[in-house]
Amino acid sequence: MSSVPRTLPLLTLQMDLLPPNPAPSLPPSSLPTGHLGRVKMAIRTVAAIFTQ
């Protein structure tokens, strides 16, 4: 449990490093799906941190 305060800033930094638009060539209608994919990836990352 003591590793959580160290890993959370790292996760925040990782999210900040992601480009705001991961696929510029896609039409605007598919952007919410891309954002949802990033959210799912973030949830998976958090789950991996807590299950270590």
N, C-alpha and C. Protein backbone atom coordinates (compact mmCIF):
# COMPACT_ATOMS: atom_id res chain seq x y z
N MET A 1 0.84 -1.21 0.00
CA MET A 1 0.00 0.00 0.00
C MET A 1 0.87 1.26 0.00
N SER A 2 2.09 1.14 0.52
CA SER A 2 2.96 2.33 0.59
C SER A 2 3.50 2.72 -0.78
N SER A 3 3.37 1.84 -1.78
CA SER A 3 3.89 2.15 -3.11
C SER A 3 2.92 3.00 -3.92
N VAL A 4 1.68 3.14 -3.43
CA VAL A 4 0.67 3.89 -4.20
C VAL A 4 1.04 5.36 -4.37
N PRO A 5 1.47 6.08 -3.31
CA PRO A 5 1.80 7.50 -3.51
C PRO A 5 2.93 7.72 -4.51
N ARG A 6 3.81 6.73 -4.67
CA ARG A 6 4.90 6.90 -5.64
C ARG A 6 4.43 6.62 -7.05
N THR A 7 3.51 5.66 -7.22
CA THR A 7 3.11 5.26 -8.57
C THR A 7 2.06 6.18 -9.16
N LEU A 8 1.25 6.83 -8.34
CA LEU A 8 0.20 7.70 -8.88
C LEU A 8 0.75 8.91 -9.64
N PRO A 9 1.77 9.63 -9.12
CA PRO A 9 2.34 10.72 -9.93
C PRO A 9 2.93 10.20 -11.23
N LEU A 10 3.49 9.00 -11.22
CA LEU A 10 4.03 8.41 -12.43
C LEU A 10 2.92 8.18 -13.45
N LEU A 11 1.77 7.71 -12.97
CA LEU A 11 0.63 7.49 -13.86
C LEU A 11 0.14 8.82 -14.43
N THR A 12 0.11 9.86 -13.58
CA THR A 12 -0.32 11.18 -14.05
C THR A 12 0.63 11.69 -15.12
N LEU A 13 1.93 11.50 -14.90
CA LEU A 13 2.92 11.92 -15.88
C LEU A 13 2.73 11.16 -17.18
N GLN A 14 2.44 9.86 -17.08
CA GLN A 14 2.22 9.04 -18.26
C GLN A 14 1.01 9.54 -19.05
N MET A 15 -0.05 9.95 -18.34
CA MET A 15 -1.23 10.46 -19.02
C MET A 15 -0.92 11.80 -19.69
N ASP A 16 -0.08 12.62 -19.06
CA ASP A 16 0.27 13.92 -19.63
C ASP A 16 1.11 13.76 -20.90
N LEU A 17 1.86 12.66 -20.98
CA LEU A 17 2.72 12.45 -22.14
C LEU A 17 1.93 11.97 -23.35
N LEU A 18 0.70 11.49 -23.14
CA LEU A 18 -0.11 11.03 -24.26
C LEU A 18 -0.53 12.22 -25.12
N PRO A 19 -0.49 12.06 -26.44
CA PRO A 19 -0.94 13.15 -27.31
C PRO A 19 -2.43 13.40 -27.13
N PRO A 20 -2.88 14.65 -27.24
CA PRO A 20 -4.30 14.97 -27.04
C PRO A 20 -5.18 14.29 -28.08
N ASN A 21 -4.65 14.09 -29.28
CA ASN A 21 -5.40 13.41 -30.33
C ASN A 21 -4.54 12.28 -30.87
N PRO A 22 -4.79 11.04 -30.44
CA PRO A 22 -3.92 9.91 -30.80
C PRO A 22 -3.94 9.59 -32.29
N ALA A 23 -5.01 9.94 -33.00
CA ALA A 23 -5.11 9.60 -34.43
C ALA A 23 -5.68 10.78 -35.21
N PRO A 24 -4.83 11.71 -35.64
CA PRO A 24 -5.32 12.91 -36.34
C PRO A 24 -6.00 12.59 -37.66
N SER A 25 -5.70 11.43 -38.25
CA SER A 25 -6.25 11.12 -39.58
C SER A 25 -7.69 10.62 -39.50
N LEU A 26 -8.16 10.30 -38.29
CA LEU A 26 -9.52 9.79 -38.15
C LEU A 26 -10.53 10.93 -38.20
N PRO A 27 -11.74 10.67 -38.69
CA PRO A 27 -12.79 11.69 -38.68
C PRO A 27 -13.21 12.03 -37.24
N PRO A 28 -13.74 13.23 -37.00
CA PRO A 28 -14.09 13.65 -35.63
C PRO A 28 -15.08 12.72 -34.94
N SER A 29 -15.90 12.01 -35.72
CA SER A 29 -16.91 11.15 -35.10
C SER A 29 -16.28 9.98 -34.36
N SER A 30 -15.03 9.62 -34.70
CA SER A 30 -14.39 8.47 -34.06
C SER A 30 -13.51 8.90 -32.89
N LEU A 31 -13.42 10.19 -32.62
CA LEU A 31 -12.57 10.66 -31.53
C LEU A 31 -13.05 10.19 -30.16
N PRO A 32 -14.37 10.20 -29.85
CA PRO A 32 -14.81 9.69 -28.55
C PRO A 32 -14.37 8.24 -28.32
N THR A 33 -14.39 7.44 -29.38
CA THR A 33 -13.96 6.05 -29.25
C THR A 33 -12.48 6.00 -28.89
N GLY A 34 -11.68 6.85 -29.53
CA GLY A 34 -10.26 6.89 -29.20
C GLY A 34 -10.04 7.31 -27.76
N HIS A 35 -10.82 8.30 -27.30
CA HIS A 35 -10.70 8.74 -25.91
C HIS A 35 -11.11 7.62 -24.97
N LEU A 36 -12.16 6.89 -25.33
CA LEU A 36 -12.61 5.77 -24.50
C LEU A 36 -11.52 4.71 -24.42
N GLY A 37 -10.85 4.47 -25.53
CA GLY A 37 -9.75 3.51 -25.53
C GLY A 37 -8.64 3.93 -24.58
N ARG A 38 -8.35 5.25 -24.56
CA ARG A 38 -7.31 5.74 -23.65
C ARG A 38 -7.75 5.60 -22.21
N VAL A 39 -9.04 5.82 -21.94
CA VAL A 39 -9.56 5.66 -20.58
C VAL A 39 -9.45 4.20 -20.14
N LYS A 40 -9.82 3.29 -21.05
CA LYS A 40 -9.71 1.86 -20.73
C LYS A 40 -8.26 1.47 -20.47
N MET A 41 -7.34 2.03 -21.27
CA MET A 41 -5.93 1.74 -21.07
C MET A 41 -5.47 2.26 -19.71
N ALA A 42 -5.95 3.44 -19.32
CA ALA A 42 -5.58 4.00 -18.02
C ALA A 42 -6.11 3.13 -16.89
N ILE A 43 -7.34 2.65 -17.05
CA ILE A 43 -7.93 1.78 -16.03
C ILE A 43 -7.12 0.49 -15.92
N ARG A 44 -6.70 -0.05 -17.08
CA ARG A 44 -5.89 -1.26 -17.06
C ARG A 44 -4.56 -1.00 -16.37
N THR A 45 -3.98 0.18 -16.60
CA THR A 45 -2.70 0.52 -15.97
C THR A 45 -2.87 0.61 -14.46
N VAL A 46 -3.95 1.26 -14.02
CA VAL A 46 -4.21 1.37 -12.58
C VAL A 46 -4.42 -0.01 -11.97
N ALA A 47 -5.16 -0.86 -12.68
CA ALA A 47 -5.40 -2.21 -12.18
C ALA A 47 -4.09 -2.98 -12.07
N ALA A 48 -3.21 -2.79 -13.05
CA ALA A 48 -1.91 -3.48 -13.00
C ALA A 48 -1.09 -3.00 -11.81
N ILE A 49 -1.19 -1.70 -11.51
CA ILE A 49 -0.44 -1.15 -10.38
C ILE A 49 -0.94 -1.76 -9.07
N PHE A 50 -2.25 -1.86 -8.92
CA PHE A 50 -2.80 -2.32 -7.65
C PHE A 50 -2.74 -3.84 -7.49
N THR A 51 -2.52 -4.57 -8.59
CA THR A 51 -2.48 -6.03 -8.48
C THR A 51 -1.05 -6.55 -8.44
N GLN A 52 -0.06 -5.68 -8.42
CA GLN A 52 1.33 -6.12 -8.36
C GLN A 52 1.63 -6.75 -7.01
